[in-house]
Amino acid sequence: MLDKNSKIYVAGHHGLVGSAIWNNLKARGYNNLVGRTHAELDLTDQYAVKKFFDEEKPDAVVLAAAFVGGIMANSLYRADFMMMNMKIQCNVFSEAYAHNVKKFLFLGSTCIYPKNAPQPMSEDALLTSELEYTNEEYAIAKIAGLKMCESYNLQYGTNYLAVMPTNLYGPNDNFHLENSHVMPAMMRKVYLAKLIHDNDWASIKVDMDKRPVEGINGDASQEEILKVLAKYGIENNKVTLWGTGKPLREFLWSEDMADASVHVLLNVNFSDIIGIEKYSSVHYGASVDGAVDRNHSAGRGGAIPKLGEIRNCHINVGTGKELTIRELSELVVKAVGFEGEVFFDASKPDGTPRKLINVDKLHRLGWTHKVEIDQGVKKLFDWYTESLKA
């Protein structure tokens, strides 16, 4: 359906996953790519999004843009996490459909699954019990997005797919302490604690200039810098992390996620997910056995009784492997060369106790991960230190 000349819009092309997807498409010879920074196109602005689609008319859309953050950010900005993501999704889905986009890939998150879902979590665990409270709003927005894919397909015969990645890390990760995810936040904390112990203020100033903390940059006094870093558990040869360190997490290298996403975009159709080869004919007035289905107008789908209930059509993307947060901290300590102490503050929330996904569907569709976690942590630290030189 998509060839090398197809125009593909990657929303969020400067982000962790979006940038990796952009590079992956380029490496495969797909050069007719369109991207806009947030400053150039605010996806929460309905009229701006319509204008963009009117002008560019993309053949395919990858929605990798989102309003994201870790436990602290999710707790502080609950309304923002729901409203901003819902606006982005509604605007992009609406205009993609209005402009006859051939293929749509929506990126969600495995936080969509219930807090106490059976492990490893299969796609069918969706909506079986309550969500983890600390990221409930973000999860609800992402559930709405995957349901939009499913519902557009069932009502209009579109080819919209949703992939749900596990915890991601990699080049262009967010290392801002106020709103970063667990691994980059942990890595930066350990690195800064080491620099304080080494009395390497030149490197600390470079780091703070690159990514100020609460407005404090490298021009601030040593006292001001130490004070704001201590607020985030960063001290001389000592790091304090939130929670007990016991929760289990699965991590996927972002370039692996990009490769999986592009594989799905180029090689997988909605009919492959639901296992019905004649799905498209169903949506144009024929039943699965070829007889005319008079319950539907041509070009529309809706509920199709002959197919039964169709749900959970999204695809988990991960490694199917896990480790504890404490074990992760040990890998980070090793990568950074930190010789100090790491403490866990059990008075702070852990989040979901375990979050491993079942990736059988992904494997059936022809893709498996390549980068293992120990290798990936080292690669991420190398990228981070290089980013400080830019």
Protein backbone atom coordinates (compact mmCIF):
# COMPACT_ATOMS: atom_id res chain seq x y z
CA MET A 1 0.00 0.00 0.00
CA LEU A 2 2.87 2.37 0.79
CA ASP A 3 5.78 2.73 -1.63
CA LYS A 4 9.07 4.65 -1.40
CA ASN A 5 7.38 7.78 -2.79
CA SER A 6 4.50 7.78 -0.31
CA LYS A 7 4.34 10.92 1.80
CA ILE A 8 4.55 9.93 5.47
CA TYR A 9 3.84 12.42 8.24
CA VAL A 10 5.68 11.59 11.48
CA ALA A 11 4.10 13.58 14.31
CA GLY A 12 6.64 14.00 17.08
CA HIS A 13 9.63 13.49 14.77
CA HIS A 14 12.04 15.14 17.23
CA GLY A 15 10.99 12.96 20.16
CA LEU A 16 12.46 9.77 21.53
CA VAL A 17 10.49 7.40 19.30
CA GLY A 18 9.50 9.77 16.51
CA SER A 19 13.11 10.63 15.70
CA ALA A 20 14.03 6.95 15.64
CA ILE A 21 11.07 6.14 13.35
CA TRP A 22 12.10 9.00 11.04
CA ASN A 23 15.65 7.65 10.83
CA ASN A 24 14.43 4.08 10.33
CA LEU A 25 12.19 5.11 7.42
CA LYS A 26 15.08 7.07 5.87
CA ALA A 27 17.36 4.06 6.18
CA ARG A 28 14.76 1.96 4.33
CA GLY A 29 14.63 4.48 1.46
CA TYR A 30 11.46 6.34 2.44
CA ASN A 31 12.55 9.94 1.89
CA ASN A 32 9.23 11.71 1.33
CA LEU A 33 8.81 12.42 5.04
CA VAL A 34 7.01 15.34 6.65
CA GLY A 35 7.64 16.61 10.18
CA ARG A 36 6.75 19.69 12.17
CA THR A 37 8.12 20.84 15.51
CA HIS A 38 5.70 21.85 18.25
CA ALA A 39 6.57 25.50 17.51
CA GLU A 40 5.64 24.98 13.85
CA LEU A 41 2.45 23.01 14.49
CA ASP A 42 0.52 22.80 17.75
CA LEU A 43 -1.38 19.53 17.45
CA THR A 44 -3.85 20.65 20.12
CA ASP A 45 -4.97 23.44 17.73
CA GLN A 46 -7.78 22.01 15.61
CA TYR A 47 -7.57 24.70 12.91
CA ALA A 48 -3.79 24.49 12.62
CA VAL A 49 -3.98 20.71 12.20
CA LYS A 50 -6.63 21.03 9.48
CA LYS A 51 -4.51 23.60 7.64
CA PHE A 52 -1.50 21.30 7.81
CA PHE A 53 -3.42 18.34 6.35
CA ASP A 54 -5.00 20.56 3.67
CA GLU A 55 -1.53 21.64 2.55
CA GLU A 56 0.49 18.44 2.92
CA LYS A 57 -2.06 15.69 2.16
CA PRO A 58 0.04 12.83 3.60
CA ASP A 59 -0.51 9.24 2.47
CA ALA A 60 0.32 7.86 5.91
CA VAL A 61 0.50 9.19 9.46
CA VAL A 62 2.57 8.04 12.42
CA LEU A 63 1.27 9.63 15.62
CA ALA A 64 4.27 9.55 17.95
CA ALA A 65 3.57 12.94 19.52
CA ALA A 66 2.22 13.01 23.07
CA PHE A 67 2.25 14.93 26.34
CA VAL A 68 4.38 12.63 28.53
CA GLY A 69 6.21 12.32 31.86
CA GLY A 70 6.98 10.08 34.82
CA ILE A 71 5.20 9.41 38.12
CA MET A 72 5.82 12.91 39.50
CA ALA A 73 4.60 14.70 36.39
CA ASN A 74 1.56 12.42 36.06
CA SER A 75 0.63 13.14 39.68
CA LEU A 76 0.99 16.90 39.36
CA TYR A 77 -0.63 17.48 35.97
CA ARG A 78 -3.51 15.01 35.85
CA ALA A 79 -5.93 17.20 33.88
CA ASP A 80 -3.22 18.23 31.43
CA PHE A 81 -2.22 14.65 30.70
CA MET A 82 -5.76 13.74 29.73
CA MET A 83 -6.81 16.92 27.93
CA MET A 84 -3.61 17.54 25.94
CA ASN A 85 -3.38 13.98 24.68
CA MET A 86 -7.07 13.75 23.83
CA LYS A 87 -6.87 17.01 21.86
CA ILE A 88 -3.82 15.81 19.92
CA GLN A 89 -5.45 12.48 19.11
CA CYS A 90 -8.87 13.82 18.17
CA ASN A 91 -7.41 16.45 15.87
CA VAL A 92 -5.01 14.13 14.07
CA PHE A 93 -7.44 11.22 13.71
CA SER A 94 -10.20 13.50 12.46
CA GLU A 95 -8.07 15.16 9.80
CA ALA A 96 -6.39 11.92 8.75
CA TYR A 97 -9.80 10.42 8.03
CA ALA A 98 -11.06 13.58 6.31
CA HIS A 99 -8.01 13.58 4.05
CA ASN A 100 -8.20 9.87 3.12
CA VAL A 101 -4.95 8.82 4.78
CA LYS A 102 -4.20 5.25 3.64
CA LYS A 103 -2.36 4.04 6.74
CA PHE A 104 -2.32 5.36 10.30
CA LEU A 105 -0.03 4.15 13.09
CA PHE A 106 -0.89 5.25 16.64
CA LEU A 107 1.67 4.89 19.40
CA GLY A 108 0.34 4.29 22.89
CA SER A 109 1.83 2.83 26.04
CA THR A 110 1.53 -0.33 28.12
CA CYS A 111 0.27 1.83 31.00
CA ILE A 112 -3.14 1.15 29.39
CA TYR A 113 -3.27 -2.15 31.26
CA PRO A 114 -4.80 -2.66 34.71
CA LYS A 115 -2.54 -2.26 37.72
CA ASN A 116 -3.03 -5.89 38.74
CA ALA A 117 -3.35 -7.48 35.32
CA PRO A 118 -2.11 -11.08 35.02
CA GLN A 119 1.53 -11.18 33.95
CA PRO A 120 2.75 -11.14 31.27
CA MET A 121 -0.01 -8.84 30.03
CA SER A 122 -1.61 -9.84 26.77
CA GLU A 123 -3.66 -7.47 24.63
CA ASP A 124 -6.81 -9.09 26.05
CA ALA A 125 -6.03 -7.74 29.53
CA LEU A 126 -7.27 -4.30 28.45
CA LEU A 127 -10.16 -2.90 30.53
CA THR A 128 -10.45 -5.96 32.76
CA SER A 129 -9.92 -4.04 36.05
CA GLU A 130 -8.84 -0.67 37.46
CA LEU A 131 -5.80 1.24 36.21
CA GLU A 132 -2.72 2.34 38.16
CA TYR A 133 -3.84 5.56 39.87
CA THR A 134 -0.62 7.51 39.32
CA ASN A 135 -0.95 7.49 35.51
CA GLU A 136 -4.68 6.91 35.10
CA GLU A 137 -5.36 10.01 32.99
CA TYR A 138 -2.58 9.34 30.50
CA ALA A 139 -3.67 5.70 30.24
CA ILE A 140 -7.28 6.67 29.56
CA ALA A 141 -6.19 9.00 26.78
CA LYS A 142 -4.11 6.24 25.18
CA ILE A 143 -6.95 3.73 25.50
CA ALA A 144 -9.16 6.23 23.68
CA GLY A 145 -6.54 6.44 20.93
CA LEU A 146 -6.32 2.70 20.33
CA LYS A 147 -10.11 2.50 20.43
CA MET A 148 -10.24 5.25 17.80
CA CYS A 149 -8.11 3.05 15.52
CA GLU A 150 -10.34 0.07 16.15
CA SER A 151 -13.57 2.04 15.77
CA TYR A 152 -12.59 3.90 12.59
CA ASN A 153 -11.64 0.54 11.07
CA LEU A 154 -14.92 -1.07 12.05
CA GLN A 155 -17.11 1.86 11.03
CA TYR A 156 -15.30 3.11 7.95
CA GLY A 157 -13.09 0.28 6.74
CA THR A 158 -9.88 2.23 7.36
CA ASN A 159 -6.45 0.70 8.00
CA TYR A 160 -5.46 2.26 11.33
CA LEU A 161 -3.16 0.31 13.67
CA ALA A 162 -2.09 0.89 17.27
CA VAL A 163 1.15 -0.26 18.89
CA MET A 164 1.65 -0.23 22.65
CA PRO A 165 5.34 -0.04 23.58
CA THR A 166 6.73 -0.97 26.94
CA ASN A 167 9.08 1.47 28.76
CA LEU A 168 11.33 3.05 26.14
CA TYR A 169 14.80 4.50 26.34
CA GLY A 170 17.41 5.62 23.82
CA PRO A 171 18.83 8.53 21.80
CA ASN A 172 16.99 11.83 22.29
CA ASP A 173 15.56 10.63 25.61
CA ASN A 174 14.29 13.23 28.06
CA PHE A 175 16.81 13.82 30.84
CA HIS A 176 15.07 16.81 32.46
CA LEU A 177 14.71 15.87 36.11
CA GLU A 178 11.29 17.47 36.54
CA ASN A 179 9.49 15.24 34.04
CA SER A 180 11.72 12.44 32.75
CA HIS A 181 11.08 8.72 32.87
CA VAL A 182 12.79 6.32 35.25
CA MET A 183 15.93 5.34 33.36
CA PRO A 184 17.15 8.75 32.08
CA ALA A 185 16.30 10.38 35.44
CA MET A 186 18.20 7.67 37.31
CA MET A 187 21.17 7.91 34.94
CA ARG A 188 21.48 11.68 35.22
CA LYS A 189 21.17 11.57 39.00
CA VAL A 190 23.95 8.98 39.30
CA TYR A 191 26.14 10.92 36.86
CA LEU A 192 25.71 14.23 38.72
CA ALA A 193 26.33 12.60 42.11
CA LYS A 194 29.60 11.24 40.71
CA LEU A 195 30.59 14.67 39.34
CA ILE A 196 29.90 16.29 42.74
CA HIS A 197 32.12 13.72 44.42
CA ASP A 198 34.82 14.27 41.79
CA ASN A 199 34.51 18.03 42.36
CA ASP A 200 34.16 18.36 38.59
CA TRP A 201 32.29 21.65 38.52
CA ALA A 202 33.15 22.34 34.89
CA SER A 203 31.20 19.23 33.84
CA ILE A 204 28.37 19.99 36.29
CA LYS A 205 27.98 23.47 34.80
CA VAL A 206 27.90 22.04 31.27
CA ASP A 207 25.20 19.57 32.34
CA MET A 208 23.11 22.23 34.09
CA ASP A 209 23.43 24.60 31.14
CA LYS A 210 22.26 21.91 28.77
CA ARG A 211 19.28 20.92 30.94
CA PRO A 212 18.54 23.44 33.72
CA VAL A 213 16.75 22.18 36.83
CA GLU A 214 13.89 24.42 38.01
CA GLY A 215 15.51 27.32 36.19
CA ILE A 216 18.91 26.75 37.80
CA ASN A 217 21.69 26.52 35.20
CA GLY A 218 25.47 26.47 35.19
CA ASP A 219 25.68 30.20 35.95
CA ALA A 220 24.21 29.64 39.42
CA SER A 221 26.41 29.37 42.49
CA GLN A 222 27.62 26.00 43.70
CA GLU A 223 25.36 26.40 46.71
CA GLU A 224 22.28 26.98 44.52
CA ILE A 225 23.13 24.04 42.29
CA LEU A 226 23.70 21.68 45.22
CA LYS A 227 20.45 22.80 46.83
CA VAL A 228 18.27 22.15 43.78
CA LEU A 229 19.99 18.83 43.03
CA ALA A 230 19.50 17.67 46.62
CA LYS A 231 15.78 18.23 46.11
CA TYR A 232 15.94 15.49 43.47
CA GLY A 233 17.96 13.10 45.63
CA ILE A 234 21.38 13.99 44.19
CA GLU A 235 24.21 14.50 46.67
CA ASN A 236 27.94 13.91 46.98
CA ASN A 237 28.40 10.24 46.00
CA LYS A 238 24.82 9.51 47.05
CA VAL A 239 21.60 9.11 45.09
CA THR A 240 18.11 8.64 46.53
CA LEU A 241 15.50 7.11 44.22
CA TRP A 242 11.73 6.93 44.65
CA GLY A 243 10.09 3.74 45.90
CA THR A 244 11.41 0.44 47.16
CA GLY A 245 13.32 -0.64 44.06
CA LYS A 246 11.25 -3.84 43.94
CA PRO A 247 8.88 -3.11 41.02
CA LEU A 248 9.65 -5.11 37.89
CA ARG A 249 9.96 -3.29 34.59
CA GLU A 250 10.55 -4.15 30.96
CA PHE A 251 12.59 -1.79 28.79
CA LEU A 252 12.88 -1.50 25.02
CA TRP A 253 15.59 0.39 23.13
CA SER A 254 13.88 3.18 21.17
CA GLU A 255 15.51 2.24 17.87
CA ASP A 256 14.10 -1.27 18.30
CA MET A 257 10.69 0.30 18.90
CA ALA A 258 11.11 2.33 15.74
CA ASP A 259 12.00 -0.76 13.74
CA ALA A 260 8.93 -2.57 15.09
CA SER A 261 6.72 0.44 14.31
CA VAL A 262 7.95 0.74 10.74
CA HIS A 263 7.58 -3.03 10.29
CA VAL A 264 3.93 -2.75 11.32
CA LEU A 265 3.35 0.38 9.22
CA LEU A 266 4.72 -1.21 6.05
CA ASN A 267 3.81 -4.88 6.45
CA VAL A 268 0.76 -5.28 8.70
CA ASN A 269 -2.89 -4.55 7.96
CA PHE A 270 -5.96 -4.52 10.19
CA SER A 271 -7.13 -7.71 8.46
CA ASP A 272 -3.93 -9.42 9.68
CA ILE A 273 -4.78 -8.46 13.27
CA ILE A 274 -8.33 -9.78 13.26
CA GLY A 275 -7.43 -12.75 11.08
CA ILE A 276 -10.06 -12.16 8.40
CA GLU A 277 -8.64 -11.97 4.88
CA LYS A 278 -11.85 -10.65 3.32
CA TYR A 279 -12.25 -7.88 5.91
CA SER A 280 -12.11 -5.12 3.29
CA SER A 281 -14.93 -6.71 1.25
CA VAL A 282 -17.07 -6.83 4.39
CA HIS A 283 -16.81 -3.09 4.58
CA TYR A 284 -18.08 -2.58 1.08
CA GLY A 285 -21.36 -4.38 1.34
CA ALA A 286 -20.35 -8.06 1.30
CA SER A 287 -20.27 -10.58 4.09
CA VAL A 288 -17.30 -12.83 4.84
CA ASP A 289 -18.72 -15.59 2.62
CA GLY A 290 -19.22 -13.17 -0.29
CA ALA A 291 -22.98 -12.70 0.02
CA VAL A 292 -24.29 -9.14 0.13
CA ASP A 293 -24.81 -7.93 3.68
CA ARG A 294 -27.79 -5.55 3.55
CA ASN A 295 -27.21 -4.34 7.12
CA HIS A 296 -24.52 -1.96 5.90
CA SER A 297 -24.33 0.86 3.40
CA ALA A 298 -21.46 0.71 0.90
CA GLY A 299 -18.23 2.13 2.24
CA ARG A 300 -19.23 1.83 5.89
CA GLY A 301 -18.75 -0.77 8.52
CA GLY A 302 -20.14 -0.40 11.99
CA ALA A 303 -20.90 -3.42 14.17
CA ILE A 304 -20.68 -6.49 11.96
CA PRO A 305 -22.68 -9.30 13.56
CA LYS A 306 -21.13 -11.98 11.32
CA LEU A 307 -17.69 -11.15 12.73
CA GLY A 308 -18.75 -11.11 16.37
CA GLU A 309 -17.14 -8.72 18.82
CA ILE A 310 -13.85 -7.29 17.57
CA ARG A 311 -11.70 -5.74 20.27
CA ASN A 312 -8.12 -5.54 21.56
CA CYS A 313 -6.68 -5.14 18.07
CA HIS A 314 -3.64 -3.20 19.30
CA ILE A 315 -0.16 -4.74 19.30
CA ASN A 316 2.16 -4.97 22.32
CA VAL A 317 5.76 -4.03 21.51
CA GLY A 318 8.50 -5.06 23.91
CA THR A 319 11.12 -7.64 24.78
CA GLY A 320 9.08 -9.95 27.00
CA LYS A 321 11.92 -9.67 29.58
CA GLU A 322 12.00 -7.79 32.91
CA LEU A 323 14.23 -6.66 35.78
CA THR A 324 13.68 -4.81 39.06
CA ILE A 325 14.28 -1.07 39.41
CA ARG A 326 17.09 -1.93 41.82
CA GLU A 327 18.70 -4.19 39.21
CA LEU A 328 18.34 -1.38 36.69
CA SER A 329 20.10 0.99 39.09
CA GLU A 330 22.98 -1.48 39.30
CA LEU A 331 23.34 -1.48 35.50
CA VAL A 332 23.28 2.33 35.49
CA VAL A 333 25.86 2.52 38.29
CA LYS A 334 28.12 0.22 36.30
CA ALA A 335 27.71 2.19 33.05
CA VAL A 336 28.43 5.53 34.77
CA GLY A 337 31.33 4.18 36.83
CA PHE A 338 29.69 5.39 40.06
CA GLU A 339 31.27 4.21 43.31
CA GLY A 340 28.87 5.87 45.73
CA GLU A 341 25.62 4.67 47.29
CA VAL A 342 22.10 4.37 45.92
CA PHE A 343 19.23 4.55 48.40
CA PHE A 344 15.53 3.88 47.86
CA ASP A 345 12.93 6.04 49.60
CA ALA A 346 10.12 3.59 50.40
CA SER A 347 7.84 6.45 51.51
CA LYS A 348 7.51 7.46 47.84
CA PRO A 349 5.20 5.59 45.41
CA ASP A 350 6.44 2.62 43.42
CA GLY A 351 3.84 2.75 40.69
CA THR A 352 2.68 -0.51 39.17
CA PRO A 353 4.35 -3.47 40.94
CA ARG A 354 5.00 -5.41 37.77
CA LYS A 355 4.61 -4.53 34.12
CA LEU A 356 5.67 -7.26 31.72
CA ILE A 357 3.91 -7.65 28.41
CA ASN A 358 3.14 -10.66 26.26
CA VAL A 359 4.66 -10.10 22.80
CA ASP A 360 3.39 -13.25 21.10
CA LYS A 361 1.20 -11.27 18.67
CA LEU A 362 4.18 -9.13 17.64
CA HIS A 363 6.32 -12.22 17.10
CA ARG A 364 3.57 -13.79 14.98
CA LEU A 365 3.56 -10.63 12.86
CA GLY A 366 7.26 -11.11 12.15
CA TRP A 367 9.27 -8.91 14.52
CA THR A 368 11.50 -9.48 17.60
CA HIS A 369 13.81 -7.11 19.53
CA LYS A 370 17.59 -6.92 19.05
CA VAL A 371 19.12 -4.77 21.84
CA GLU A 372 19.34 -6.34 25.32
CA ILE A 373 19.08 -4.16 28.43
CA ASP A 374 22.71 -4.29 29.62
CA GLN A 375 23.93 -3.26 26.20
CA GLY A 376 21.23 -0.59 25.93
CA VAL A 377 22.02 1.10 29.26
CA LYS A 378 25.64 1.51 28.18
CA LYS A 379 24.54 2.87 24.78
CA LEU A 380 22.24 5.39 26.47
CA PHE A 381 24.97 6.70 28.78
CA ASP A 382 27.32 7.05 25.83
CA TRP A 383 24.64 9.05 23.99
CA TYR A 384 23.98 11.24 27.02
CA THR A 385 27.62 12.19 27.54
CA GLU A 386 27.98 12.91 23.82
CA SER A 387 24.89 15.14 23.96
CA LEU A 388 26.64 17.33 26.55
CA LYS A 389 29.36 18.11 24.02
CA ALA A 390 26.94 19.32 21.36
